[in-house]
Amino acid sequence: MNDANRVSDIKNTLGNLFGLDPEEFHLSSGGVTMDDNDQLRDYNLSNGDDILLIPASTAGCFE
């Protein structure tokens, strides 16, 4: 994956692949929710790191 890609571009691609609205989920890695305007390189990801898809309805919820 090109680390110059914006998080929003990745979300759009995933949305198209899985039939999801990109506004309905967030991406997260290492416990950090990624900002749509950031590039992947802003998160210092390494080959093999996991990126999680989190539904927007549960992101940031503390109970």
C-alpha atoms as a PDB file:
ATOM      1  CA  MET A   1       0.000   0.000   0.000  1.00  0.00           C
ATOM      2  CA  ASN A   2       1.302   3.456  -0.840  1.00  0.00           C
ATOM      3  CA  ASP A   3       1.951   5.314   2.424  1.00  0.00           C
ATOM      4  CA  ALA A   4       1.349   8.628   0.627  1.00  0.00           C
ATOM      5  CA  ASN A   5      -2.352   7.736   0.292  1.00  0.00           C
ATOM      6  CA  ARG A   6      -4.737   9.740   2.414  1.00  0.00           C
ATOM      7  CA  VAL A   7      -6.834   7.904   4.968  1.00  0.00           C
ATOM      8  CA  SER A   8      -9.950   9.153   3.165  1.00  0.00           C
ATOM      9  CA  ASP A   9      -8.768   7.482  -0.072  1.00  0.00           C
ATOM     10  CA  ILE A  10      -8.313   4.173   1.748  1.00  0.00           C
ATOM     11  CA  LYS A  11     -11.771   4.524   3.309  1.00  0.00           C
ATOM     12  CA  ASN A  12     -13.309   5.183  -0.113  1.00  0.00           C
ATOM     13  CA  THR A  13     -11.610   2.095  -1.553  1.00  0.00           C
ATOM     14  CA  LEU A  14     -12.779  -0.077   1.355  1.00  0.00           C
ATOM     15  CA  GLY A  15     -16.259   1.391   1.069  1.00  0.00           C
ATOM     16  CA  ASN A  16     -16.408   0.431  -2.605  1.00  0.00           C
ATOM     17  CA  LEU A  17     -15.064  -3.069  -1.962  1.00  0.00           C
ATOM     18  CA  PHE A  18     -17.436  -3.876   0.895  1.00  0.00           C
ATOM     19  CA  GLY A  19     -20.469  -1.729   0.024  1.00  0.00           C
ATOM     20  CA  LEU A  20     -19.978   0.603   3.001  1.00  0.00           C
ATOM     21  CA  ASP A  21     -20.409   4.350   3.328  1.00  0.00           C
ATOM     22  CA  PRO A  22     -16.962   5.777   4.235  1.00  0.00           C
ATOM     23  CA  GLU A  23     -18.673   8.196   6.631  1.00  0.00           C
ATOM     24  CA  GLU A  24     -19.972   5.237   8.634  1.00  0.00           C
ATOM     25  CA  PHE A  25     -16.590   3.897   9.782  1.00  0.00           C
ATOM     26  CA  HIS A  26     -13.152   4.960  10.997  1.00  0.00           C
ATOM     27  CA  LEU A  27      -9.722   3.416  10.522  1.00  0.00           C
ATOM     28  CA  SER A  28      -7.491   2.785  13.509  1.00  0.00           C
ATOM     29  CA  SER A  29      -4.002   1.429  14.118  1.00  0.00           C
ATOM     30  CA  GLY A  30      -2.135   1.018  17.377  1.00  0.00           C
ATOM     31  CA  GLY A  31      -5.113   2.346  19.331  1.00  0.00           C
ATOM     32  CA  VAL A  32      -5.140   5.618  17.364  1.00  0.00           C
ATOM     33  CA  THR A  33      -8.123   6.633  15.236  1.00  0.00           C
ATOM     34  CA  MET A  34      -6.841   7.929  11.904  1.00  0.00           C
ATOM     35  CA  ASP A  35      -7.893  11.344  10.617  1.00  0.00           C
ATOM     36  CA  ASP A  36      -9.347  11.358   7.093  1.00  0.00           C
ATOM     37  CA  ASN A  37      -7.044  14.207   6.005  1.00  0.00           C
ATOM     38  CA  ASP A  38      -3.821  12.497   7.113  1.00  0.00           C
ATOM     39  CA  GLN A  39      -1.586  10.335   4.970  1.00  0.00           C
ATOM     40  CA  LEU A  40      -0.853   6.764   6.040  1.00  0.00           C
ATOM     41  CA  ARG A  41       2.807   7.732   6.569  1.00  0.00           C
ATOM     42  CA  ASP A  42       1.684  10.050   9.383  1.00  0.00           C
ATOM     43  CA  TYR A  43       1.044   6.928  11.483  1.00  0.00           C
ATOM     44  CA  ASN A  44       4.482   5.288  11.099  1.00  0.00           C
ATOM     45  CA  LEU A  45       2.966   2.000   9.944  1.00  0.00           C
ATOM     46  CA  SER A  46       5.234  -0.947   9.233  1.00  0.00           C
ATOM     47  CA  ASN A  47       4.693  -3.849   6.875  1.00  0.00           C
ATOM     48  CA  GLY A  48       2.361  -6.296   8.603  1.00  0.00           C
ATOM     49  CA  ASP A  49       0.752  -3.759  10.968  1.00  0.00           C
ATOM     50  CA  ASP A  50      -3.004  -4.109  11.393  1.00  0.00           C
ATOM     51  CA  ILE A  51      -5.442  -1.373  10.417  1.00  0.00           C
ATOM     52  CA  LEU A  52      -8.864  -1.815  11.987  1.00  0.00           C
ATOM     53  CA  LEU A  53     -12.184  -0.747  10.513  1.00  0.00           C
ATOM     54  CA  ILE A  54     -14.378   0.585  13.336  1.00  0.00           C
ATOM     55  CA  PRO A  55     -18.081   1.457  12.920  1.00  0.00           C
ATOM     56  CA  ALA A  56     -18.628   5.167  13.527  1.00  0.00           C
ATOM     57  CA  SER A  57     -21.464   4.373  15.917  1.00  0.00           C
ATOM     58  CA  THR A  58     -19.030   2.779  18.398  1.00  0.00           C
ATOM     59  CA  ALA A  59     -15.842   4.795  17.879  1.00  0.00           C
ATOM     60  CA  GLY A  60     -14.977   6.827  20.930  1.00  0.00           C
ATOM     61  CA  CYS A  61     -17.778   5.359  23.044  1.00  0.00           C
ATOM     62  CA  PHE A  62     -16.952   4.882  26.699  1.00  0.00           C
ATOM     63  CA  GLU A  63     -19.372   3.117  28.983  1.00  0.00           C
END
